[in-house]
N, C-alpha and C. Protein backbone atom coordinates (compact mmCIF):
# COMPACT_ATOMS: atom_id res chain seq x y z
N MET A 1 80.65 109.74 126.59
CA MET A 1 80.07 110.16 125.16
C MET A 1 79.23 109.21 125.07
N ASN A 2 78.06 110.08 124.54
CA ASN A 2 76.39 109.70 124.77
C ASN A 2 76.54 108.36 123.97
N ALA A 3 75.19 108.15 123.97
CA ALA A 3 75.94 107.01 123.37
C ALA A 3 74.82 106.34 122.23
N ASN A 4 74.47 107.04 121.38
CA ASN A 4 73.95 108.04 119.84
C ASN A 4 75.22 107.43 119.66
N PHE A 5 75.87 108.97 119.87
CA PHE A 5 77.17 108.57 119.17
C PHE A 5 77.99 108.36 119.16
N LYS A 6 78.13 107.23 120.07
CA LYS A 6 78.93 106.31 119.64
C LYS A 6 78.92 104.84 119.32
N LYS A 7 77.65 104.55 119.69
CA LYS A 7 77.05 103.46 118.27
C LYS A 7 77.38 103.44 117.12
N ASN A 8 76.79 105.39 116.78
CA ASN A 8 76.96 105.35 115.38
C ASN A 8 78.87 105.71 114.27
N ALA A 9 79.72 106.22 115.47
CA ALA A 9 80.57 106.36 115.27
C ALA A 9 80.92 105.01 115.07
N ILE A 10 80.86 103.85 115.64
CA ILE A 10 81.56 102.84 115.50
C ILE A 10 80.25 101.50 114.85
N ASN A 11 79.55 102.35 114.37
CA ASN A 11 78.94 101.10 112.97
C ASN A 11 79.80 101.85 112.12
N PHE A 12 79.88 103.25 111.86
CA PHE A 12 80.54 104.28 110.13
C PHE A 12 82.18 103.68 110.98
N GLY A 13 82.64 103.52 111.79
CA GLY A 13 83.58 102.79 111.23
C GLY A 13 84.34 102.13 110.52
N ILE A 14 83.18 100.73 110.33
CA ILE A 14 83.13 99.30 110.86
C ILE A 14 82.69 99.48 108.96
N ILE A 15 81.85 100.05 109.51
CA ILE A 15 81.34 100.20 107.55
C ILE A 15 81.82 100.82 106.51
N SER A 16 82.98 101.57 107.13
CA SER A 16 83.82 102.99 107.04
C SER A 16 85.96 101.39 106.54
N GLY A 17 85.81 100.49 107.28
CA GLY A 17 86.62 99.69 107.74
C GLY A 17 86.16 98.84 105.77
N LEU A 18 85.02 97.83 106.33
CA LEU A 18 84.51 97.19 105.22
C LEU A 18 84.58 97.23 104.03
N ILE A 19 84.69 99.29 103.63
CA ILE A 19 84.80 99.94 102.28
C ILE A 19 86.34 100.04 101.80
N GLY A 20 86.95 99.80 103.00
CA GLY A 20 89.27 100.53 102.42
C GLY A 20 88.98 98.82 102.06
N ILE A 21 87.77 98.11 102.67
CA ILE A 21 88.48 96.69 102.47
C ILE A 21 88.06 95.69 100.90
N ALA A 22 86.89 96.16 101.09
CA ALA A 22 86.86 96.28 99.33
C ALA A 22 86.65 97.08 98.35
N ALA A 23 87.43 98.46 99.05
CA ALA A 23 88.83 98.92 97.64
C ALA A 23 89.44 98.67 97.62
N THR A 24 90.36 97.75 97.83
CA THR A 24 91.36 97.03 98.37
C THR A 24 91.63 96.15 97.56
N THR A 25 90.01 95.25 97.30
CA THR A 25 89.80 94.17 97.53
C THR A 25 90.02 94.69 95.42
N LEU A 26 88.79 95.22 95.77
CA LEU A 26 88.84 95.87 93.33
C LEU A 26 90.35 95.79 92.92
N MET A 27 90.58 97.04 93.59
CA MET A 27 91.72 97.17 92.86
C MET A 27 93.21 96.03 92.65
N TYR A 28 93.16 94.70 93.87
CA TYR A 28 94.76 94.20 94.10
C TYR A 28 93.18 93.20 92.50
N LEU A 29 91.72 93.21 92.72
CA LEU A 29 91.39 92.05 92.08
C LEU A 29 91.86 92.58 90.15
N ILE A 30 91.58 93.81 89.72
CA ILE A 30 91.58 95.11 88.65
C ILE A 30 93.23 94.74 88.74
N ASP A 31 93.74 95.56 89.13
CA ASP A 31 95.56 96.44 88.24
C ASP A 31 95.70 96.66 89.38
N LEU A 32 97.04 96.51 89.58
CA LEU A 32 97.82 97.50 91.22
C LEU A 32 98.45 98.34 90.63
N LYS A 33 98.11 98.39 89.27
CA LYS A 33 98.60 100.03 88.97
C LYS A 33 97.03 100.67 89.33
N LEU A 34 96.83 100.25 89.39
CA LEU A 34 95.39 101.41 90.07
C LEU A 34 95.95 101.81 91.96
N PHE A 35 96.37 100.74 92.59
CA PHE A 35 97.03 101.89 94.39
C PHE A 35 97.77 102.83 93.60
N VAL A 36 98.39 103.48 92.58
CA VAL A 36 98.53 103.62 92.78
C VAL A 36 98.14 105.68 92.28
N ASN A 37 96.80 105.18 91.98
CA ASN A 37 96.35 106.24 90.23
C ASN A 37 95.85 107.57 91.56
N LEU A 38 96.21 108.53 91.00
CA LEU A 38 95.75 109.94 91.87
C LEU A 38 94.52 109.39 92.33
N TRP A 39 92.90 109.62 91.32
CA TRP A 39 92.59 110.23 91.35
C TRP A 39 91.35 109.30 92.30
N ILE A 40 91.62 107.71 92.24
CA ILE A 40 91.81 106.74 92.85
C ILE A 40 91.45 107.00 94.55
N GLY A 41 92.93 107.73 94.73
CA GLY A 41 93.45 107.95 95.85
C GLY A 41 92.80 109.55 96.18
N PHE A 42 92.14 110.53 95.18
CA PHE A 42 90.73 111.72 95.29
C PHE A 42 89.47 111.21 96.03
N GLY A 43 88.82 109.93 94.71
CA GLY A 43 87.97 109.60 95.42
C GLY A 43 87.76 108.46 95.92
N MET A 44 89.00 107.81 97.01
CA MET A 44 88.05 107.71 98.27
C MET A 44 88.61 108.29 99.38
N ILE A 45 89.20 109.63 99.10
CA ILE A 45 89.03 110.92 100.55
C ILE A 45 88.05 111.16 100.73
N ALA A 46 87.05 111.32 98.54
CA ALA A 46 85.48 111.95 99.28
C ALA A 46 84.77 110.87 99.62
N ILE A 47 85.34 109.87 99.49
CA ILE A 47 84.40 108.43 100.17
C ILE A 47 84.17 108.51 101.55
N TRP A 48 85.69 109.21 102.69
CA TRP A 48 86.10 108.88 103.75
C TRP A 48 84.86 110.15 103.61
N ILE A 49 85.18 111.24 103.36
CA ILE A 49 83.85 113.20 103.86
C ILE A 49 82.97 112.66 103.05
N ILE A 50 82.14 111.88 102.79
CA ILE A 50 80.88 111.65 102.96
C ILE A 50 80.15 110.80 103.46
N ILE A 51 81.33 109.83 104.09
CA ILE A 51 80.76 108.91 105.75
C ILE A 51 80.27 109.86 106.30
N GLY A 52 81.89 110.44 106.54
CA GLY A 52 82.17 112.17 107.87
C GLY A 52 80.34 112.30 107.93
N VAL A 53 80.28 113.46 106.94
CA VAL A 53 78.86 114.06 106.98
C VAL A 53 77.73 112.23 107.21
N ILE A 54 77.63 111.96 107.28
CA ILE A 54 76.00 111.40 107.07
C ILE A 54 76.77 110.76 108.32
N LEU A 55 77.23 110.24 108.82
CA LEU A 55 78.06 109.71 110.49
C LEU A 55 77.33 111.05 111.26
N LEU A 56 77.60 112.52 111.34
CA LEU A 56 77.63 113.62 111.92
C LEU A 56 76.33 113.38 111.80
N SER A 57 75.61 114.34 110.90
CA SER A 57 73.86 114.32 110.12
C SER A 57 73.67 113.53 111.14
N LYS A 58 73.79 111.99 110.77
CA LYS A 58 72.38 111.13 112.00
C LYS A 58 72.78 111.06 112.74
N SER A 59 74.24 111.12 113.95
CA SER A 59 74.61 111.20 115.32
C SER A 59 73.69 112.84 115.69
N LYS A 60 73.71 114.04 115.00
CA LYS A 60 73.59 115.16 115.25
C LYS A 60 71.23 114.38 115.14
N LYS A 61 71.66 113.88 114.59
CA LYS A 61 69.92 113.21 114.25
C LYS A 61 68.78 112.76 115.40
N ALA A 62 70.02 111.93 115.76
CA ALA A 62 69.32 110.68 117.21
C ALA A 62 69.97 111.50 118.21
N ASN A 63 70.07 112.67 118.69
CA ASN A 63 70.22 113.73 120.25
C ASN A 63 69.61 114.76 119.46
N GLN A 64 68.58 114.88 119.21
CA GLN A 64 67.78 115.62 118.99
C GLN A 64 67.71 117.47 118.15
N GLY A 65 69.01 116.72 117.48
CA GLY A 65 69.60 118.51 116.83
C GLY A 65 70.81 118.42 117.31
N ASN A 66 71.05 118.68 118.20
CA ASN A 66 71.87 119.39 119.25
C ASN A 66 73.36 118.03 118.99
N MET A 67 74.53 119.10 119.00
CA MET A 67 75.70 118.23 118.83
C MET A 67 76.22 118.74 119.50
N THR A 68 77.67 119.12 120.48
CA THR A 68 78.69 119.96 120.64
C THR A 68 79.73 119.69 119.05
N PHE A 69 80.67 120.56 119.76
CA PHE A 69 82.07 120.02 118.48
C PHE A 69 82.74 119.32 119.44
N LYS A 70 82.36 118.94 120.21
CA LYS A 70 83.35 117.67 120.79
C LYS A 70 82.90 116.53 120.30
N GLU A 71 81.19 116.77 120.96
CA GLU A 71 80.36 115.36 120.23
C GLU A 71 80.96 115.11 119.11
N GLY A 72 80.99 116.36 118.13
CA GLY A 72 81.07 115.18 116.52
C GLY A 72 82.41 115.71 116.76
N PHE A 73 83.45 115.84 116.73
CA PHE A 73 84.75 116.12 116.59
C PHE A 73 84.59 114.19 117.41
N THR A 74 84.69 113.86 118.26
CA THR A 74 85.33 112.89 118.93
C THR A 74 83.86 111.37 117.75
N THR A 75 83.01 111.94 117.46
CA THR A 75 82.13 110.47 117.02
C THR A 75 83.34 110.38 115.87
N TYR A 76 83.48 111.98 115.07
CA TYR A 76 84.38 110.94 114.02
C TYR A 76 85.58 111.16 114.16
N PHE A 77 85.82 110.90 114.61
CA PHE A 77 87.59 111.14 114.92
C PHE A 77 87.96 108.59 115.74
N LEU A 78 87.08 108.64 116.47
CA LEU A 78 86.33 107.43 116.31
C LEU A 78 86.14 106.66 115.62
N SER A 79 84.89 107.20 114.99
CA SER A 79 84.38 106.29 113.80
C SER A 79 86.17 105.46 112.43
N ALA A 80 86.92 107.26 112.85
CA ALA A 80 87.72 107.22 111.24
C ALA A 80 88.93 105.90 112.36
N VAL A 81 89.53 105.99 112.93
CA VAL A 81 90.50 105.25 114.27
C VAL A 81 89.16 103.87 113.48
N ILE A 82 88.28 103.76 114.13
CA ILE A 82 88.52 102.59 113.70
C ILE A 82 88.31 101.54 112.68
N GLY A 83 88.08 102.60 111.62
CA GLY A 83 87.87 102.60 109.61
C GLY A 83 89.03 101.96 109.61
N ILE A 84 90.47 103.37 109.42
CA ILE A 84 91.17 102.93 109.61
C ILE A 84 92.30 102.00 110.24
N LEU A 85 92.51 101.15 110.91
CA LEU A 85 92.62 99.94 112.21
C LEU A 85 92.05 98.82 111.59
N ILE A 86 90.65 98.57 110.73
CA ILE A 86 90.30 97.78 109.98
C ILE A 86 91.38 97.56 108.65
N SER A 87 90.93 98.65 107.51
CA SER A 87 91.18 99.00 106.14
C SER A 87 92.90 98.19 106.36
N THR A 88 93.67 99.11 107.02
CA THR A 88 94.59 98.74 107.22
C THR A 88 95.58 97.69 107.33
N ALA A 89 94.95 96.36 109.20
CA ALA A 89 95.22 95.13 109.85
C ALA A 89 94.93 94.39 108.03
N PHE A 90 94.12 95.19 107.38
CA PHE A 90 93.56 94.02 105.90
C PHE A 90 94.39 94.36 104.46
N ASN A 91 95.24 95.60 104.45
CA ASN A 91 96.18 95.95 104.12
C ASN A 91 97.75 94.94 104.13
N ILE A 92 97.84 95.43 105.44
CA ILE A 92 99.44 94.69 105.83
C ILE A 92 99.22 93.04 105.94
N PHE A 93 98.25 92.67 105.97
CA PHE A 93 97.73 90.98 105.69
C PHE A 93 97.86 90.50 104.09
N LEU A 94 97.83 91.56 102.99
CA LEU A 94 97.44 91.16 101.58
C LEU A 94 98.59 91.20 101.89
N PHE A 95 99.64 92.26 101.52
CA PHE A 95 100.63 93.20 101.51
C PHE A 95 102.22 92.21 102.01
N ASN A 96 101.62 92.41 102.94
CA ASN A 96 102.75 91.05 103.67
C ASN A 96 102.83 89.45 104.46
N PHE A 97 101.79 89.32 103.86
CA PHE A 97 101.67 87.90 103.75
C PHE A 97 101.30 87.14 103.32
N PHE A 98 100.02 87.98 102.59
CA PHE A 98 99.22 87.03 101.77
C PHE A 98 100.52 86.99 100.77
N ASP A 99 100.65 87.80 99.62
CA ASP A 99 100.78 88.30 99.02
C ASP A 99 103.12 89.83 98.63
N THR A 100 103.11 89.43 99.11
CA THR A 100 104.24 90.22 98.95
C THR A 100 105.08 90.19 97.48
N GLU A 101 104.74 89.77 96.66
CA GLU A 101 104.78 90.70 94.73
C GLU A 101 103.91 91.39 95.14
N ALA A 102 102.86 91.14 94.70
CA ALA A 102 101.97 92.08 95.02
C ALA A 102 102.75 93.73 95.30
N ARG A 103 103.13 93.45 96.57
CA ARG A 103 103.49 94.69 97.12
C ARG A 103 105.20 95.11 96.36
N ASP A 104 105.16 94.63 96.41
CA ASP A 104 106.74 94.77 95.21
C ASP A 104 106.73 95.28 93.87
N VAL A 105 104.32 94.87 93.34
CA VAL A 105 104.47 95.31 91.62
C VAL A 105 104.26 96.77 92.51
N VAL A 106 103.42 96.96 93.33
CA VAL A 106 102.83 98.40 93.33
C VAL A 106 104.48 99.46 93.58
N THR A 107 104.44 98.77 94.21
CA THR A 107 105.84 100.12 94.93
C THR A 107 107.28 100.58 93.76
N GLN A 108 106.67 98.80 92.81
CA GLN A 108 107.33 99.91 90.81
C GLN A 108 106.46 100.05 91.28
N HIS A 109 105.43 100.44 90.37
CA HIS A 109 104.35 100.78 89.64
C HIS A 109 104.30 102.69 90.25
N LEU A 110 104.15 103.36 91.59
CA LEU A 110 104.76 103.92 92.43
C LEU A 110 106.20 104.51 91.59
N LEU A 111 106.97 104.05 91.94
CA LEU A 111 108.32 104.65 91.41
C LEU A 111 108.14 104.43 89.98
N ASP A 112 107.87 104.39 89.16
CA ASP A 112 107.37 104.67 87.60
C ASP A 112 106.77 105.76 87.68
N MET A 113 105.58 105.81 88.47
CA MET A 113 105.14 107.06 88.72
C MET A 113 105.85 108.78 89.13
N GLN A 114 106.32 108.38 89.81
CA GLN A 114 107.21 109.39 90.64
C GLN A 114 108.12 109.63 89.45
N VAL A 115 109.12 109.12 89.25
CA VAL A 115 110.24 109.59 88.77
C VAL A 115 109.67 109.86 86.82
N GLY A 116 108.19 108.72 86.21
CA GLY A 116 107.75 110.01 85.54
C GLY A 116 107.00 111.49 85.71
N MET A 117 106.77 111.47 86.63
CA MET A 117 106.78 113.19 87.55
C MET A 117 107.44 113.81 87.17
N MET A 118 108.96 113.00 87.84
CA MET A 118 110.22 114.27 87.99
C MET A 118 110.64 114.52 86.85
N GLU A 119 110.07 113.74 85.55
CA GLU A 119 111.30 113.80 84.06
C GLU A 119 110.08 115.26 83.76
N LYS A 120 109.35 114.39 83.57
CA LYS A 120 108.38 115.76 83.63
C LYS A 120 108.01 117.36 83.42
N PHE A 121 108.90 117.17 84.66
CA PHE A 121 108.86 119.28 85.13
C PHE A 121 110.62 119.19 85.01
N ASN A 122 111.35 118.29 84.33
CA ASN A 122 112.82 118.35 84.36
C ASN A 122 113.45 118.54 85.04
N THR A 123 113.36 117.72 86.44
CA THR A 123 113.58 117.29 87.68
C THR A 123 115.51 117.19 87.04
N PRO A 124 116.47 117.43 87.74
CA PRO A 124 117.32 117.42 88.12
C PRO A 124 118.11 115.00 87.72
N GLN A 125 118.73 114.85 87.55
CA GLN A 125 118.55 113.21 87.54
C GLN A 125 119.19 112.15 88.98
N GLU A 126 120.08 113.66 89.57
CA GLU A 126 120.14 113.48 91.23
C GLU A 126 119.62 113.27 91.75
N GLN A 127 118.53 114.38 91.85
CA GLN A 127 117.56 113.89 92.73
C GLN A 127 116.35 113.27 93.25
N ILE A 128 116.83 112.67 91.20
CA ILE A 128 115.60 111.20 90.44
C ILE A 128 116.33 110.38 91.96
N ASN A 129 117.32 110.62 91.32
CA ASN A 129 118.11 109.08 92.00
C ASN A 129 117.38 109.25 93.52
N GLU A 130 117.44 110.13 94.13
CA GLU A 130 118.02 110.02 95.22
C GLU A 130 116.04 109.25 95.43
N ALA A 131 115.49 110.27 94.52
CA ALA A 131 114.11 109.91 95.07
C ALA A 131 113.89 108.59 94.95
N ILE A 132 114.58 107.38 94.41
CA ILE A 132 114.05 106.47 93.75
C ILE A 132 114.93 105.37 94.92
N VAL A 133 115.68 105.41 95.65
CA VAL A 133 115.88 105.42 97.12
C VAL A 133 115.82 105.51 97.42
N LYS A 134 114.91 106.66 98.15
CA LYS A 134 113.40 106.93 98.75
C LYS A 134 113.00 106.28 98.89
N ILE A 135 112.08 106.20 97.96
CA ILE A 135 110.73 105.37 97.24
C ILE A 135 111.08 103.11 97.11
N LYS A 136 112.34 103.34 97.20
CA LYS A 136 112.80 101.54 97.70
C LYS A 136 112.87 101.47 98.90
N GLU A 137 113.72 101.93 99.40
CA GLU A 137 113.74 101.44 100.63
C GLU A 137 112.83 102.10 102.11
N SER A 138 111.25 102.59 101.12
CA SER A 138 110.40 102.99 102.64
C SER A 138 109.01 102.57 101.83
N SER A 139 108.85 101.62 101.38
CA SER A 139 107.83 101.47 100.55
C SER A 139 106.63 100.81 101.42
N GLN A 140 105.53 102.27 101.12
CA GLN A 140 104.32 102.70 101.87
C GLN A 140 103.26 101.27 102.20
N PHE A 141 103.93 99.97 101.27
CA PHE A 141 102.76 98.68 101.69
C PHE A 141 103.38 97.80 102.50
N SER A 142 104.85 97.81 102.65
CA SER A 142 105.99 97.69 103.69
C SER A 142 104.93 97.11 105.46
N LEU A 143 105.12 96.46 106.44
CA LEU A 143 104.86 96.61 107.57
C LEU A 143 105.04 97.95 107.59
N LYS A 144 106.51 98.77 107.34
CA LYS A 144 106.69 99.79 108.44
C LYS A 144 105.82 100.77 107.63
N GLY A 145 105.59 100.87 106.83
CA GLY A 145 104.98 101.77 105.88
C GLY A 145 103.12 101.76 106.22
N GLN A 146 103.30 100.93 105.80
CA GLN A 146 101.14 100.69 106.57
C GLN A 146 101.70 101.29 107.89
N LEU A 147 102.33 101.10 109.38
CA LEU A 147 102.25 101.36 110.42
C LEU A 147 102.48 102.88 110.25
N PHE A 148 102.98 103.49 109.58
CA PHE A 148 103.62 104.76 109.37
C PHE A 148 102.22 105.09 108.50
N GLY A 149 101.54 104.74 107.88
CA GLY A 149 100.48 105.26 106.60
C GLY A 149 99.16 105.25 107.95
N ILE A 150 99.49 104.09 109.25
CA ILE A 150 98.64 104.67 110.36
C ILE A 150 98.56 106.23 110.55
N PHE A 151 99.33 106.76 111.64
CA PHE A 151 99.25 107.59 111.61
C PHE A 151 99.30 109.38 111.55
N GLN A 152 99.29 108.89 109.42
CA GLN A 152 99.22 109.88 108.90
C GLN A 152 97.84 109.95 108.40
N ALA A 153 97.10 108.68 108.41
CA ALA A 153 95.46 108.78 108.27
C ALA A 153 94.63 109.15 109.65
N MET A 154 96.00 108.95 110.25
CA MET A 154 94.94 110.02 112.09
C MET A 154 94.91 111.33 111.54
N LEU A 155 96.73 111.38 111.10
CA LEU A 155 96.47 113.21 110.56
C LEU A 155 95.63 113.87 110.62
N GLY A 156 95.42 113.00 109.10
CA GLY A 156 94.18 113.36 108.19
C GLY A 156 92.44 113.34 108.97
N ALA A 157 92.28 112.92 109.15
CA ALA A 157 90.98 112.36 110.21
C ALA A 157 90.67 113.37 111.23
N ILE A 158 91.98 114.17 111.75
CA ILE A 158 91.89 114.97 112.75
C ILE A 158 91.80 116.01 111.87
N VAL A 159 91.86 116.20 110.95
CA VAL A 159 91.65 116.96 110.17
C VAL A 159 90.39 117.62 109.98
N PHE A 160 90.08 117.13 109.28
CA PHE A 160 88.52 116.34 108.39
C PHE A 160 87.97 116.64 109.59
N GLY A 161 88.03 115.83 110.67
CA GLY A 161 87.01 115.39 112.15
C GLY A 161 87.51 117.71 112.21
N LEU A 162 88.01 117.99 112.98
CA LEU A 162 87.63 119.51 113.33
C LEU A 162 87.20 119.90 112.23
N ILE A 163 87.08 120.58 110.76
CA ILE A 163 85.94 121.03 109.83
C ILE A 163 84.20 120.40 109.96
N LEU A 164 84.90 118.54 109.96
CA LEU A 164 83.24 118.32 109.61
C LEU A 164 82.10 118.72 111.77
N ALA A 165 84.01 118.70 112.62
CA ALA A 165 82.87 118.80 113.76
C ALA A 165 82.08 120.50 114.08
N ALA A 166 83.71 121.80 113.27
CA ALA A 166 82.37 122.87 113.03
C ALA A 166 81.51 122.97 112.49
N ILE A 167 80.95 122.23 111.45
CA ILE A 167 80.49 122.63 110.47
C ILE A 167 78.70 122.65 111.10
N PHE A 168 79.32 120.90 111.64
CA PHE A 168 77.61 120.68 112.24
C PHE A 168 77.49 120.80 113.70
N LYS A 169 77.85 121.08 114.03
CA LYS A 169 77.96 121.46 115.51
C LYS A 169 76.78 122.51 116.56
N SER A 170 76.49 121.63 117.04
CA SER A 170 74.01 123.28 117.21
C SER A 170 74.93 124.32 117.76
N LYS A 171 74.22 125.05 116.94
CA LYS A 171 74.67 126.96 117.32
C LYS A 171 73.80 127.30 119.07
N ASN A 172 73.08 126.49 119.63
CA ASN A 172 72.80 126.82 120.40
C ASN A 172 73.77 126.47 122.12
N LYS A 173 74.96 125.87 121.77
CA LYS A 173 75.49 124.55 122.43
C LYS A 173 76.75 125.59 122.55
N GLU A 174 77.86 125.24 123.22
CA GLU A 174 79.26 125.34 124.04
C GLU A 174 79.45 124.50 123.03
N THR A 175 80.96 125.84 122.37
CA THR A 175 81.74 125.51 121.28
C THR A 175 82.97 123.94 121.64
N PHE A 176 82.53 124.30 122.98
CA PHE A 176 84.40 122.97 123.30
C PHE A 176 83.41 122.82 124.84
C-alpha cells in the first residue's frame, strides 16, 4: 500500500473513531433516548460517507490524481476498520464497565420504540411479544451485541468502500 494512502487511512480512521466517541459521549450526556433516534443514525451514516469522500479525495490528490479501485477500497476500508474499532472499544467500556445501567436504559428505549412501531403497523401481539424477547436477549449494547455490531459496521464499510472506490478510481488506470 502506498505510504500516502496508508497515512491518510490511519489518520482518518483515528478521526472517525474520535468523532464516534464524541457523538456517543454527547448522546450519553444529553439524553439516552438519542441512541435510538433514527435521524441521528442517518446523520452518523452521512458523516461517515463525508469522511470517506474527503479521505479518498485527499488520497487521490496526494497521489497526483491517480488511484486504482483497489487502492481506494483498501484505503477506505482500513480507515473504517480503525474508526469502528476505536469507537466500539469506547462503547464497550461505557456500556459494559462504566455505566451498565445506561445500557439497560437504552435497551428499554429501543424496546419501547420497536413496540410502538409494531403497534402502529397493527402487528399481532404474538409477534410483538417475540420481538420483545429477542431484544431483551440480545441487547446491541451488551458486550456480545457490540462485537456483533463490529461485523455489521464492517459489512456497511465494505458496501460504502466499494461504491466510493468505484467513484474515485482513476479512469486511466486499471480498475483492480
